[in-house]
Amino acid sequence: MGASSLIVLIIAAVAFSGIAILISKLVLKASTNKQKGEPYECGIPTTGKTWVQLNVGYYLFALIFLIFDVELVFLYPWAVVAKKLGWIALIEIVIFFFILFTGFLYAHKKGALKWM
């Protein structure tokens, strides 16, 4: 499993996505109208300016959610090999959780977890 496998995987990904786009262009009928160019917001017609500034707290909350969500992705491979590795795996995951908990405490102290 070397560089040639990676090259084959990239070529296959580009080919499959290109073929899917080509088939959709050939099969579907293209139609253009005024509504397709408008921003979509829950099916309700927009009134006023559509470019409104949102509070940065929403973005911070979403980023913190993503950090803890990605943390769960790292827990699965650890759980698979934890029994084979023994105490080393336990020490590593305790350090990992300590770093995450420290980040959580920092975000909580800064008020990033307060909902508007």
N, C-alpha and C. Protein backbone atom coordinates (compact mmCIF):
# COMPACT_ATOMS: atom_id res chain seq x y z
N MET A 1 0.84 -1.16 0.00
CA MET A 1 0.00 0.00 0.00
C MET A 1 0.89 1.23 0.00
N GLY A 2 1.29 1.62 -1.15
CA GLY A 2 2.21 2.74 -1.25
C GLY A 2 1.60 3.90 -2.00
N ALA A 3 2.47 4.62 -2.67
CA ALA A 3 2.05 5.80 -3.41
C ALA A 3 1.17 5.42 -4.60
N SER A 4 1.39 4.26 -5.18
CA SER A 4 0.58 3.86 -6.33
C SER A 4 -0.87 3.65 -5.91
N SER A 5 -1.10 3.13 -4.72
CA SER A 5 -2.48 2.95 -4.25
C SER A 5 -3.17 4.29 -4.08
N LEU A 6 -2.44 5.26 -3.56
CA LEU A 6 -3.01 6.58 -3.38
C LEU A 6 -3.35 7.23 -4.72
N ILE A 7 -2.48 7.05 -5.69
CA ILE A 7 -2.72 7.62 -7.02
C ILE A 7 -3.95 6.97 -7.65
N VAL A 8 -4.07 5.65 -7.53
CA VAL A 8 -5.23 4.94 -8.07
C VAL A 8 -6.50 5.41 -7.37
N LEU A 9 -6.45 5.62 -6.06
CA LEU A 9 -7.62 6.09 -5.32
C LEU A 9 -8.03 7.48 -5.77
N ILE A 10 -7.07 8.37 -5.97
CA ILE A 10 -7.39 9.73 -6.43
C ILE A 10 -7.99 9.70 -7.83
N ILE A 11 -7.41 8.90 -8.71
CA ILE A 11 -7.95 8.80 -10.08
C ILE A 11 -9.36 8.24 -10.06
N ALA A 12 -9.61 7.21 -9.23
CA ALA A 12 -10.94 6.63 -9.14
C ALA A 12 -11.95 7.64 -8.59
N ALA A 13 -11.54 8.43 -7.59
CA ALA A 13 -12.45 9.43 -7.02
C ALA A 13 -12.81 10.49 -8.05
N VAL A 14 -11.82 10.97 -8.78
CA VAL A 14 -12.08 11.99 -9.81
C VAL A 14 -12.95 11.40 -10.93
N ALA A 15 -12.68 10.16 -11.31
CA ALA A 15 -13.45 9.53 -12.38
C ALA A 15 -14.91 9.32 -11.96
N PHE A 16 -15.13 8.78 -10.76
CA PHE A 16 -16.50 8.55 -10.31
C PHE A 16 -17.28 9.85 -10.17
N SER A 17 -16.67 10.88 -9.61
CA SER A 17 -17.38 12.15 -9.46
C SER A 17 -17.62 12.79 -10.82
N GLY A 18 -16.66 12.71 -11.72
CA GLY A 18 -16.84 13.26 -13.06
C GLY A 18 -17.94 12.55 -13.83
N ILE A 19 -17.97 11.22 -13.71
CA ILE A 19 -19.02 10.45 -14.39
C ILE A 19 -20.39 10.79 -13.82
N ALA A 20 -20.49 10.95 -12.50
CA ALA A 20 -21.78 11.30 -11.89
C ALA A 20 -22.26 12.67 -12.36
N ILE A 21 -21.36 13.64 -12.44
CA ILE A 21 -21.74 14.97 -12.92
C ILE A 21 -22.14 14.91 -14.39
N LEU A 22 -21.41 14.16 -15.19
CA LEU A 22 -21.74 14.03 -16.61
C LEU A 22 -23.10 13.38 -16.81
N ILE A 23 -23.40 12.33 -16.06
CA ILE A 23 -24.70 11.67 -16.19
C ILE A 23 -25.83 12.61 -15.78
N SER A 24 -25.62 13.39 -14.70
CA SER A 24 -26.67 14.31 -14.28
C SER A 24 -26.90 15.41 -15.33
N LYS A 25 -25.84 15.85 -15.99
CA LYS A 25 -26.00 16.88 -17.04
C LYS A 25 -26.73 16.32 -18.25
N LEU A 26 -26.47 15.04 -18.56
CA LEU A 26 -27.11 14.44 -19.73
C LEU A 26 -28.56 14.08 -19.47
N VAL A 27 -28.88 13.61 -18.29
CA VAL A 27 -30.21 13.10 -18.00
C VAL A 27 -31.18 14.21 -17.62
N LEU A 28 -30.74 15.15 -16.79
CA LEU A 28 -31.64 16.18 -16.31
C LEU A 28 -31.78 17.33 -17.29
N LYS A 29 -32.99 17.88 -17.31
CA LYS A 29 -33.26 19.02 -18.16
C LYS A 29 -32.88 20.28 -17.42
N ALA A 30 -32.09 21.12 -18.04
CA ALA A 30 -31.65 22.36 -17.41
C ALA A 30 -32.74 23.41 -17.53
N SER A 31 -33.07 24.03 -16.40
CA SER A 31 -34.05 25.11 -16.42
C SER A 31 -33.51 26.27 -15.58
N THR A 32 -33.74 27.45 -16.08
CA THR A 32 -33.31 28.63 -15.34
C THR A 32 -34.52 29.52 -15.10
N ASN A 33 -34.62 30.03 -13.89
CA ASN A 33 -35.65 30.99 -13.57
C ASN A 33 -35.15 31.92 -12.47
N LYS A 34 -35.94 32.93 -12.15
CA LYS A 34 -35.52 33.94 -11.19
C LYS A 34 -35.36 33.37 -9.78
N GLN A 35 -36.20 32.42 -9.42
CA GLN A 35 -36.16 31.87 -8.06
C GLN A 35 -34.89 31.09 -7.78
N LYS A 36 -34.29 30.50 -8.79
CA LYS A 36 -33.07 29.74 -8.57
C LYS A 36 -31.90 30.62 -8.13
N GLY A 37 -31.94 31.89 -8.49
CA GLY A 37 -30.85 32.79 -8.13
C GLY A 37 -31.01 33.44 -6.77
N GLU A 38 -32.17 33.24 -6.13
CA GLU A 38 -32.40 33.87 -4.83
C GLU A 38 -31.84 33.02 -3.70
N PRO A 39 -31.43 33.68 -2.60
CA PRO A 39 -30.99 32.89 -1.44
C PRO A 39 -32.17 32.16 -0.82
N TYR A 40 -31.91 30.94 -0.35
CA TYR A 40 -32.98 30.11 0.21
C TYR A 40 -32.93 30.16 1.74
N GLU A 41 -34.05 30.47 2.36
CA GLU A 41 -34.12 30.56 3.81
C GLU A 41 -35.43 29.93 4.27
N CYS A 42 -35.45 28.64 4.44
CA CYS A 42 -36.59 27.91 5.02
C CYS A 42 -37.88 28.08 4.22
N GLY A 43 -37.82 28.35 2.96
CA GLY A 43 -39.01 28.46 2.15
C GLY A 43 -39.75 29.79 2.28
N ILE A 44 -39.29 30.66 3.14
CA ILE A 44 -39.95 31.95 3.35
C ILE A 44 -39.29 32.98 2.44
N PRO A 45 -40.07 33.73 1.68
CA PRO A 45 -39.46 34.76 0.82
C PRO A 45 -38.71 35.79 1.66
N THR A 46 -37.57 36.20 1.18
CA THR A 46 -36.75 37.14 1.93
C THR A 46 -37.32 38.55 1.81
N THR A 47 -37.20 39.29 2.90
CA THR A 47 -37.61 40.69 2.89
C THR A 47 -36.46 41.49 3.47
N GLY A 48 -36.17 42.60 2.90
CA GLY A 48 -35.09 43.44 3.37
C GLY A 48 -33.74 42.92 2.90
N LYS A 49 -32.68 43.32 3.64
CA LYS A 49 -31.34 42.91 3.27
C LYS A 49 -31.12 41.46 3.69
N THR A 50 -30.49 40.69 2.84
CA THR A 50 -30.19 39.31 3.19
C THR A 50 -28.83 39.17 3.85
N TRP A 51 -28.01 40.19 3.76
CA TRP A 51 -26.69 40.15 4.38
C TRP A 51 -26.77 40.79 5.76
N VAL A 52 -27.04 39.97 6.76
CA VAL A 52 -27.09 40.47 8.13
C VAL A 52 -25.93 39.87 8.90
N GLN A 53 -25.42 40.63 9.84
CA GLN A 53 -24.29 40.18 10.63
C GLN A 53 -24.79 39.36 11.81
N LEU A 54 -24.25 38.14 11.96
CA LEU A 54 -24.64 37.28 13.06
C LEU A 54 -23.64 37.42 14.20
N ASN A 55 -24.09 37.09 15.38
CA ASN A 55 -23.24 37.15 16.56
C ASN A 55 -22.14 36.09 16.45
N VAL A 56 -20.92 36.44 16.80
CA VAL A 56 -19.79 35.53 16.69
C VAL A 56 -19.93 34.36 17.66
N GLY A 57 -20.74 34.51 18.69
CA GLY A 57 -20.95 33.45 19.66
C GLY A 57 -21.51 32.19 19.04
N TYR A 58 -22.33 32.32 18.00
CA TYR A 58 -22.88 31.15 17.32
C TYR A 58 -21.75 30.34 16.65
N TYR A 59 -20.80 31.04 16.05
CA TYR A 59 -19.69 30.36 15.40
C TYR A 59 -18.79 29.68 16.41
N LEU A 60 -18.54 30.35 17.53
CA LEU A 60 -17.72 29.75 18.59
C LEU A 60 -18.37 28.49 19.14
N PHE A 61 -19.68 28.56 19.35
CA PHE A 61 -20.41 27.40 19.86
C PHE A 61 -20.32 26.24 18.87
N ALA A 62 -20.45 26.54 17.58
CA ALA A 62 -20.36 25.49 16.56
C ALA A 62 -18.96 24.90 16.49
N LEU A 63 -17.94 25.73 16.60
CA LEU A 63 -16.57 25.21 16.57
C LEU A 63 -16.26 24.33 17.77
N ILE A 64 -16.74 24.72 18.93
CA ILE A 64 -16.52 23.89 20.12
C ILE A 64 -17.25 22.56 19.97
N PHE A 65 -18.45 22.60 19.41
CA PHE A 65 -19.18 21.35 19.16
C PHE A 65 -18.39 20.45 18.21
N LEU A 66 -17.82 21.03 17.15
CA LEU A 66 -17.04 20.24 16.21
C LEU A 66 -15.80 19.63 16.86
N ILE A 67 -15.16 20.37 17.74
CA ILE A 67 -13.97 19.85 18.42
C ILE A 67 -14.33 18.62 19.23
N PHE A 68 -15.41 18.69 19.99
CA PHE A 68 -15.79 17.55 20.81
C PHE A 68 -16.39 16.42 19.97
N ASP A 69 -16.94 16.75 18.82
CA ASP A 69 -17.45 15.73 17.92
C ASP A 69 -16.29 14.96 17.28
N VAL A 70 -15.26 15.66 16.87
CA VAL A 70 -14.08 15.02 16.28
C VAL A 70 -13.36 14.18 17.32
N GLU A 71 -13.43 14.59 18.57
CA GLU A 71 -12.83 13.81 19.65
C GLU A 71 -13.43 12.41 19.69
N LEU A 72 -14.72 12.30 19.44
CA LEU A 72 -15.34 10.98 19.42
C LEU A 72 -14.81 10.10 18.30
N VAL A 73 -14.41 10.71 17.20
CA VAL A 73 -13.83 9.95 16.09
C VAL A 73 -12.52 9.32 16.52
N PHE A 74 -11.75 10.01 17.36
CA PHE A 74 -10.48 9.47 17.83
C PHE A 74 -10.67 8.42 18.92
N LEU A 75 -11.81 8.40 19.56
CA LEU A 75 -12.05 7.40 20.61
C LEU A 75 -12.26 6.00 20.05
N TYR A 76 -12.83 5.88 18.87
CA TYR A 76 -13.10 4.55 18.31
C TYR A 76 -11.82 3.76 18.03
N PRO A 77 -10.84 4.31 17.32
CA PRO A 77 -9.61 3.52 17.11
C PRO A 77 -8.91 3.19 18.43
N TRP A 78 -8.98 4.10 19.39
CA TRP A 78 -8.37 3.82 20.69
C TRP A 78 -9.08 2.65 21.36
N ALA A 79 -10.40 2.61 21.29
CA ALA A 79 -11.16 1.54 21.93
C ALA A 79 -10.87 0.18 21.28
N VAL A 80 -10.56 0.19 19.99
CA VAL A 80 -10.28 -1.06 19.30
C VAL A 80 -8.96 -1.67 19.78
N VAL A 81 -7.95 -0.85 20.01
CA VAL A 81 -6.63 -1.37 20.37
C VAL A 81 -6.31 -1.21 21.86
N ALA A 82 -7.25 -0.74 22.65
CA ALA A 82 -6.95 -0.46 24.06
C ALA A 82 -6.57 -1.72 24.82
N LYS A 83 -7.20 -2.83 24.54
CA LYS A 83 -6.91 -4.06 25.27
C LYS A 83 -5.52 -4.59 24.94
N LYS A 84 -5.11 -4.45 23.68
CA LYS A 84 -3.78 -4.91 23.27
C LYS A 84 -2.67 -4.06 23.87
N LEU A 85 -2.90 -2.76 23.96
CA LEU A 85 -1.86 -1.85 24.44
C LEU A 85 -1.76 -1.80 25.95
N GLY A 86 -2.85 -2.09 26.65
CA GLY A 86 -2.83 -2.14 28.10
C GLY A 86 -2.78 -0.78 28.75
N TRP A 87 -1.88 -0.65 29.73
CA TRP A 87 -1.80 0.58 30.53
C TRP A 87 -1.35 1.79 29.72
N ILE A 88 -0.57 1.56 28.69
CA ILE A 88 -0.10 2.68 27.86
C ILE A 88 -1.29 3.39 27.21
N ALA A 89 -2.25 2.60 26.72
CA ALA A 89 -3.43 3.19 26.09
C ALA A 89 -4.25 3.98 27.11
N LEU A 90 -4.34 3.46 28.33
CA LEU A 90 -5.09 4.17 29.36
C LEU A 90 -4.43 5.50 29.71
N ILE A 91 -3.13 5.49 29.84
CA ILE A 91 -2.41 6.73 30.16
C ILE A 91 -2.56 7.74 29.02
N GLU A 92 -2.47 7.27 27.78
CA GLU A 92 -2.61 8.18 26.64
C GLU A 92 -3.99 8.80 26.58
N ILE A 93 -5.04 8.00 26.85
CA ILE A 93 -6.39 8.57 26.75
C ILE A 93 -6.67 9.51 27.91
N VAL A 94 -6.07 9.25 29.08
CA VAL A 94 -6.22 10.18 30.20
C VAL A 94 -5.57 11.53 29.86
N ILE A 95 -4.40 11.48 29.24
CA ILE A 95 -3.74 12.73 28.81
C ILE A 95 -4.58 13.45 27.75
N PHE A 96 -5.13 12.68 26.82
CA PHE A 96 -5.98 13.24 25.77
C PHE A 96 -7.21 13.93 26.38
N PHE A 97 -7.87 13.26 27.32
CA PHE A 97 -9.03 13.86 27.98
C PHE A 97 -8.65 15.07 28.83
N PHE A 98 -7.49 15.03 29.43
CA PHE A 98 -7.03 16.18 30.22
C PHE A 98 -6.87 17.42 29.34
N ILE A 99 -6.27 17.22 28.16
CA ILE A 99 -6.10 18.34 27.23
C ILE A 99 -7.46 18.86 26.76
N LEU A 100 -8.38 17.95 26.44
CA LEU A 100 -9.72 18.38 26.02
C LEU A 100 -10.45 19.09 27.15
N PHE A 101 -10.34 18.56 28.36
CA PHE A 101 -11.02 19.18 29.49
C PHE A 101 -10.45 20.56 29.79
N THR A 102 -9.15 20.71 29.63
CA THR A 102 -8.53 22.02 29.81
C THR A 102 -9.07 23.02 28.79
N GLY A 103 -9.21 22.59 27.54
CA GLY A 103 -9.81 23.45 26.52
C GLY A 103 -11.26 23.78 26.83
N PHE A 104 -11.99 22.80 27.35
CA PHE A 104 -13.38 23.04 27.73
C PHE A 104 -13.47 24.07 28.85
N LEU A 105 -12.61 23.93 29.86
CA LEU A 105 -12.61 24.90 30.96
C LEU A 105 -12.25 26.30 30.47
N TYR A 106 -11.30 26.38 29.55
CA TYR A 106 -10.92 27.68 28.98
C TYR A 106 -12.10 28.32 28.25
N ALA A 107 -12.79 27.51 27.42
CA ALA A 107 -13.94 28.05 26.69
C ALA A 107 -15.05 28.46 27.64
N HIS A 108 -15.25 27.70 28.69
CA HIS A 108 -16.28 28.04 29.67
C HIS A 108 -15.92 29.32 30.42
N LYS A 109 -14.64 29.47 30.77
CA LYS A 109 -14.19 30.66 31.47
C LYS A 109 -14.33 31.91 30.59
N LYS A 110 -14.07 31.78 29.31
CA LYS A 110 -14.18 32.91 28.38
C LYS A 110 -15.63 33.23 28.01
N GLY A 111 -16.57 32.35 28.39
CA GLY A 111 -17.99 32.59 28.11
C GLY A 111 -18.42 32.14 26.73
N ALA A 112 -17.64 31.29 26.09
CA ALA A 112 -17.98 30.84 24.73
C ALA A 112 -19.15 29.87 24.75
N LEU A 113 -19.47 29.28 25.90
CA LEU A 113 -20.54 28.30 25.97
C LEU A 113 -21.87 28.92 26.42
N LYS A 114 -21.89 30.22 26.69
CA LYS A 114 -23.13 30.88 27.06
C LYS A 114 -23.97 31.09 25.81
N TRP A 115 -25.21 30.65 25.88
CA TRP A 115 -26.12 30.87 24.75
C TRP A 115 -26.67 32.27 24.87
N MET A 116 -26.93 32.91 23.74
CA MET A 116 -27.32 34.32 23.72
C MET A 116 -28.52 34.53 24.57
